[in-house]
């Protein structure tokens, strides 16, 4: 079931609430996607596997999918997107949930762990890096080929040109550790475009404020059980980003999904679901 929720004056988010097929489901899972990405980037197959044990909620960030294109009139920052995730839980009257974040979503989950640990039963993050600590040594940055593509993000393209650009972007994000299926990602982006009702790229998240972002030193105090999944072929946050984040967290645990890049393709859906469900089960048992 989908519905819209208000998170700020004039700002509405599209959400989708999927009931669990289990007669005795665990606490809900909130899925927090990455930058410039609709909640539909979470593959239906992954959502279905998680819903075998949990109620699952996914949503569109501001300026993505069917949510309000807010940035031009109401500029916001990364902390506002983290607050939106809490607002989604509030709208569904969910006091506590397992939270799962990919890429920027992993950043938002870290902010949730720092500011609202009481709302998080467990956390799973992947394809992300630790909140920064000013003055700390820099870890490897994104692949230069990706940086070049990101420089083309707001170039003018017709629908077909935008589709082709997005598929090539996914090709780079996928990495070389698993087979890349261009048809799979073209179908995904066709669905995303249909969902949004337009093919214009999302540039707002590249422009938002990063105030309140440099809080990496606080991660050591996190007590919420947190799983960090290493994607060894990730061209955005390559190793050792995942290991660094796991060590920075007070309760971090690291697992690796062989061959995974910065994309949830069919070959990694089942191992990713298994890792998340192992984490939620362990947290429920220890609670």
Protein backbone atom coordinates (compact mmCIF):
# COMPACT_ATOMS: atom_id res chain seq x y z
CA UNK A 1 0.00 0.00 0.00
CA UNK A 2 1.37 3.42 -0.88
CA UNK A 3 0.54 6.78 0.70
CA UNK A 4 1.90 10.30 0.96
CA UNK A 5 3.10 11.78 4.23
CA UNK A 6 3.90 15.38 5.16
CA UNK A 7 7.39 15.91 6.57
CA UNK A 8 7.66 19.72 6.38
CA UNK A 9 5.42 22.58 5.27
CA UNK A 10 4.77 22.00 1.58
CA UNK A 11 6.87 18.82 1.45
CA UNK A 12 5.28 15.41 0.96
CA UNK A 13 7.01 12.07 0.58
CA UNK A 14 5.74 9.03 -1.29
CA UNK A 15 5.95 5.91 0.84
CA UNK A 16 5.14 2.24 0.35
CA UNK A 17 4.17 -0.06 3.22
CA UNK A 18 4.42 -3.80 2.54
CA UNK A 19 2.92 -6.16 5.09
CA UNK A 20 4.87 -9.24 6.09
CA UNK A 21 3.75 -12.65 4.84
CA UNK A 22 4.81 -14.16 8.17
CA UNK A 23 2.11 -15.04 10.72
CA UNK A 24 4.49 -13.79 13.41
CA UNK A 25 6.53 -10.98 11.82
CA UNK A 26 9.46 -9.24 13.42
CA UNK A 27 9.67 -5.50 13.95
CA UNK A 28 9.43 -3.37 10.76
CA UNK A 29 12.33 -2.66 8.42
CA UNK A 30 12.81 0.87 7.05
CA UNK A 31 14.75 1.04 3.78
CA UNK A 32 16.68 4.28 3.17
CA UNK A 33 17.99 4.65 -0.38
CA UNK A 34 20.94 6.63 -1.70
CA UNK A 35 21.31 10.07 -3.28
CA UNK A 36 19.09 11.09 -6.18
CA UNK A 37 17.37 7.70 -6.01
CA UNK A 38 13.72 6.78 -5.74
CA UNK A 39 12.69 4.12 -3.26
CA UNK A 40 11.97 1.91 -6.27
CA UNK A 41 15.72 1.33 -6.61
CA UNK A 42 15.21 -1.21 -3.81
CA UNK A 43 14.53 -4.31 -5.94
CA UNK A 44 11.10 -5.86 -5.52
CA UNK A 45 12.75 -9.27 -5.10
CA UNK A 46 14.80 -7.99 -2.18
CA UNK A 47 11.77 -6.33 -0.60
CA UNK A 48 9.78 -9.56 -1.00
CA UNK A 49 12.48 -11.63 0.70
CA UNK A 50 12.64 -9.20 3.61
CA UNK A 51 8.83 -9.18 3.82
CA UNK A 52 8.84 -12.92 4.47
CA UNK A 53 9.78 -11.99 8.04
CA UNK A 54 9.12 -8.26 8.43
CA UNK A 55 6.84 -5.43 7.47
CA UNK A 56 8.91 -3.36 5.03
CA UNK A 57 8.67 0.38 4.31
CA UNK A 58 10.46 2.19 1.50
CA UNK A 59 10.04 5.78 0.36
CA UNK A 60 11.11 8.46 -2.10
CA UNK A 61 13.47 11.13 -0.77
CA UNK A 62 12.63 14.76 -1.43
CA UNK A 63 13.13 15.60 -5.13
CA UNK A 64 12.97 11.94 -6.17
CA UNK A 65 10.15 9.82 -7.54
CA UNK A 66 6.73 11.10 -6.54
CA UNK A 67 7.90 13.12 -3.54
CA UNK A 68 7.85 16.91 -3.60
CA UNK A 69 10.52 18.57 -5.72
CA UNK A 70 11.36 20.86 -2.84
CA UNK A 71 14.93 22.04 -3.18
CA UNK A 72 14.46 24.98 -5.56
CA UNK A 73 12.02 26.69 -3.20
CA UNK A 74 13.08 25.18 0.12
CA UNK A 75 16.78 24.26 0.15
CA UNK A 76 17.60 21.51 2.62
CA UNK A 77 20.57 19.58 3.91
CA UNK A 78 21.66 16.06 4.70
CA UNK A 79 20.35 16.36 8.26
CA UNK A 80 16.89 17.18 6.90
CA UNK A 81 16.88 13.94 4.91
CA UNK A 82 17.85 12.05 8.06
CA UNK A 83 14.97 13.72 9.89
CA UNK A 84 12.66 12.68 7.05
CA UNK A 85 13.46 9.02 7.77
CA UNK A 86 12.33 9.50 11.37
CA UNK A 87 9.23 11.31 10.11
CA UNK A 88 8.36 8.26 8.00
CA UNK A 89 8.47 6.09 11.12
CA UNK A 90 6.32 8.63 12.96
CA UNK A 91 3.75 8.69 10.16
CA UNK A 92 3.32 4.93 10.42
CA UNK A 93 3.26 4.98 14.25
CA UNK A 94 6.39 2.82 14.39
CA UNK A 95 8.30 3.47 17.62
CA UNK A 96 11.33 1.32 16.67
CA UNK A 97 12.53 -0.34 13.48
CA UNK A 98 15.43 -2.09 11.86
CA UNK A 99 16.98 0.50 9.54
CA UNK A 100 18.83 -0.36 6.32
CA UNK A 101 20.72 2.23 4.27
CA UNK A 102 22.60 2.15 0.98
CA UNK A 103 25.13 4.82 -0.07
CA UNK A 104 23.77 8.21 1.10
CA UNK A 105 21.13 6.14 2.86
CA UNK A 106 23.95 4.65 4.92
CA UNK A 107 25.03 8.17 5.84
CA UNK A 108 21.49 9.01 6.92
CA UNK A 109 21.32 5.84 9.00
CA UNK A 110 24.52 6.88 10.80
CA UNK A 111 22.91 10.23 11.65
CA UNK A 112 19.83 8.37 12.90
CA UNK A 113 22.04 6.20 15.11
CA UNK A 114 23.62 9.32 16.62
CA UNK A 115 20.47 11.40 17.08
CA UNK A 116 17.70 8.82 17.50
CA UNK A 117 19.23 5.55 18.72
CA UNK A 118 16.02 4.77 20.60
CA UNK A 119 14.23 4.40 17.24
CA UNK A 120 16.71 1.85 15.85
CA UNK A 121 16.58 -1.81 16.87
CA UNK A 122 19.42 -2.63 14.50
CA UNK A 123 21.12 -1.05 11.52
CA UNK A 124 22.56 -2.42 8.29
CA UNK A 125 24.56 -0.18 5.95
CA UNK A 126 26.40 -0.88 2.73
CA UNK A 127 28.04 0.89 -0.19
CA UNK A 128 28.74 3.80 2.12
CA UNK A 129 31.48 5.46 4.13
CA UNK A 130 31.83 6.65 7.70
CA UNK A 131 30.76 10.14 8.65
CA UNK A 132 33.94 12.18 8.30
CA UNK A 133 36.29 13.31 11.02
CA UNK A 134 37.92 16.64 10.10
CA UNK A 135 41.66 16.24 9.67
CA UNK A 136 41.58 12.44 9.42
CA UNK A 137 43.53 10.72 6.60
CA UNK A 138 41.54 10.47 3.39
CA UNK A 139 40.37 7.11 2.08
CA UNK A 140 40.20 6.30 -1.66
CA UNK A 141 37.68 8.34 -3.63
CA UNK A 142 35.29 7.35 -6.42
CA UNK A 143 36.47 5.96 -9.74
CA UNK A 144 37.49 8.84 -12.06
CA UNK A 145 35.16 7.48 -14.76
CA UNK A 146 32.25 7.97 -12.38
CA UNK A 147 33.38 11.48 -11.54
CA UNK A 148 33.34 12.28 -15.25
CA UNK A 149 29.80 10.93 -15.59
CA UNK A 150 28.63 12.88 -12.55
CA UNK A 151 29.87 16.00 -14.30
CA UNK A 152 27.32 15.24 -17.04
CA UNK A 153 24.43 14.70 -14.64
CA UNK A 154 22.46 17.80 -15.59
CA UNK A 155 23.28 17.77 -19.30
CA UNK A 156 20.17 18.06 -21.46
CA UNK A 157 18.98 14.68 -22.79
CA UNK A 158 15.73 13.37 -24.25
CA UNK A 159 14.05 10.37 -22.61
CA UNK A 160 15.96 7.80 -24.63
CA UNK A 161 19.24 9.61 -24.08
CA UNK A 162 18.59 9.79 -20.35
CA UNK A 163 17.81 6.09 -20.23
CA UNK A 164 21.04 5.25 -22.03
CA UNK A 165 23.02 7.52 -19.71
CA UNK A 166 21.51 5.89 -16.62
CA UNK A 167 22.22 2.37 -17.89
CA UNK A 168 25.85 3.29 -18.55
CA UNK A 169 26.02 4.84 -15.09
CA UNK A 170 24.76 1.58 -13.57
CA UNK A 171 27.34 -0.31 -15.62
CA UNK A 172 30.11 1.63 -13.91
CA UNK A 173 28.46 1.39 -10.48
CA UNK A 174 28.00 -2.37 -10.84
CA UNK A 175 31.74 -2.95 -11.15
CA UNK A 176 33.25 -6.05 -12.69
CA UNK A 177 32.75 -8.58 -9.91
CA UNK A 178 29.35 -9.73 -11.17
CA UNK A 179 27.80 -9.87 -14.63
CA UNK A 180 26.11 -6.64 -15.65
CA UNK A 181 22.70 -7.08 -17.30
CA UNK A 182 21.90 -3.89 -19.20
CA UNK A 183 18.31 -5.00 -19.81
CA UNK A 184 17.75 -5.45 -16.06
CA UNK A 185 18.81 -1.89 -15.29
CA UNK A 186 17.06 -0.40 -18.31
CA UNK A 187 13.80 -1.96 -17.10
CA UNK A 188 14.50 -0.59 -13.62
CA UNK A 189 15.04 2.93 -14.90
CA UNK A 190 12.01 2.77 -17.19
CA UNK A 191 9.96 1.95 -14.10
CA UNK A 192 11.60 4.77 -12.12
CA UNK A 193 10.80 7.25 -14.91
CA UNK A 194 7.20 6.05 -15.13
CA UNK A 195 6.90 6.31 -11.34
CA UNK A 196 8.22 9.88 -11.30
CA UNK A 197 6.30 10.97 -14.39
CA UNK A 198 9.37 12.56 -16.00
CA UNK A 199 12.93 11.71 -17.03
CA UNK A 200 14.75 14.78 -15.68
CA UNK A 201 17.79 13.92 -13.54
CA UNK A 202 17.82 14.68 -9.82
CA UNK A 203 20.51 17.27 -9.11
CA UNK A 204 19.25 18.64 -5.78
CA UNK A 205 21.11 16.11 -3.66
CA UNK A 206 24.42 17.21 -5.17
CA UNK A 207 23.65 20.77 -4.07
CA UNK A 208 22.31 20.25 -0.54
CA UNK A 209 24.05 21.50 2.59
CA UNK A 210 26.40 19.17 4.44
CA UNK A 211 26.15 21.10 7.72
CA UNK A 212 26.12 18.63 10.61
CA UNK A 213 27.90 16.00 8.52
CA UNK A 214 31.35 15.90 10.18
CA UNK A 215 30.40 13.71 13.14
CA UNK A 216 32.51 10.62 12.60
CA UNK A 217 34.17 10.91 16.01
CA UNK A 218 30.78 10.26 17.65
CA UNK A 219 30.30 6.85 16.00
CA UNK A 220 32.38 5.08 18.64
CA UNK A 221 29.58 5.69 21.16
CA UNK A 222 26.92 3.94 19.04
CA UNK A 223 25.42 0.99 20.93
CA UNK A 224 22.80 -0.10 18.37
CA UNK A 225 23.95 -3.36 16.73
CA UNK A 226 25.16 -2.32 13.29
CA UNK A 227 26.14 -4.49 10.34
CA UNK A 228 28.45 -3.03 7.71
CA UNK A 229 28.38 -4.95 4.44
CA UNK A 230 31.50 -4.65 2.32
CA UNK A 231 30.96 -4.53 -1.45
CA UNK A 232 34.50 -5.30 -2.64
CA UNK A 233 33.91 -4.08 -6.21
CA UNK A 234 32.24 -0.79 -5.17
CA UNK A 235 33.72 2.01 -7.32
CA UNK A 236 32.26 4.75 -5.11
CA UNK A 237 33.31 3.53 -1.65
CA UNK A 238 36.00 0.95 -2.41
CA UNK A 239 37.76 -0.98 0.32
CA UNK A 240 38.81 -0.12 2.97
CA UNK A 241 35.77 2.15 3.47
CA UNK A 242 33.53 -0.58 4.90
CA UNK A 243 36.20 -1.86 7.27
CA UNK A 244 36.94 1.67 8.43
CA UNK A 245 33.25 2.28 9.17
CA UNK A 246 32.90 -1.02 11.05
CA UNK A 247 35.89 -0.12 13.23
CA UNK A 248 34.61 3.41 13.81
CA UNK A 249 31.29 2.15 15.13
CA UNK A 250 31.09 1.14 18.74
CA UNK A 251 29.05 -1.93 17.84
CA UNK A 252 30.02 -2.48 14.22
CA UNK A 253 30.26 -5.89 12.55
CA UNK A 254 31.63 -6.49 9.05
CA UNK A 255 30.60 -9.04 6.44
CA UNK A 256 31.46 -9.19 2.75
CA UNK A 257 29.33 -10.04 -0.27
CA UNK A 258 31.81 -11.30 -2.90
CA UNK A 259 31.65 -9.54 -6.24
CA UNK A 260 29.20 -6.85 -5.14
CA UNK A 261 29.59 -3.34 -6.51
CA UNK A 262 27.53 -0.20 -5.94
CA UNK A 263 24.37 -1.79 -7.33
CA UNK A 264 21.83 -4.35 -6.19
CA UNK A 265 21.67 -6.63 -9.20
CA UNK A 266 19.92 -9.99 -9.28
CA UNK A 267 23.03 -11.93 -8.32
CA UNK A 268 23.44 -10.14 -4.99
CA UNK A 269 19.78 -9.84 -3.92
CA UNK A 270 19.64 -13.14 -2.03
CA UNK A 271 22.97 -12.81 -0.19
CA UNK A 272 22.08 -9.21 0.69
CA UNK A 273 18.67 -10.24 2.01
CA UNK A 274 20.24 -13.09 3.99
CA UNK A 275 22.76 -10.72 5.60
CA UNK A 276 20.06 -8.21 6.56
CA UNK A 277 17.78 -10.91 7.97
CA UNK A 278 20.62 -12.45 9.96
CA UNK A 279 21.22 -9.03 11.48
CA UNK A 280 17.57 -8.41 12.32
CA UNK A 281 17.22 -11.88 13.85
CA UNK A 282 20.34 -11.47 15.97
CA UNK A 283 19.20 -8.07 17.22
CA UNK A 284 15.73 -9.40 18.09
CA UNK A 285 17.24 -12.33 19.99
CA UNK A 286 19.54 -10.10 22.03
CA UNK A 287 16.90 -7.46 22.77
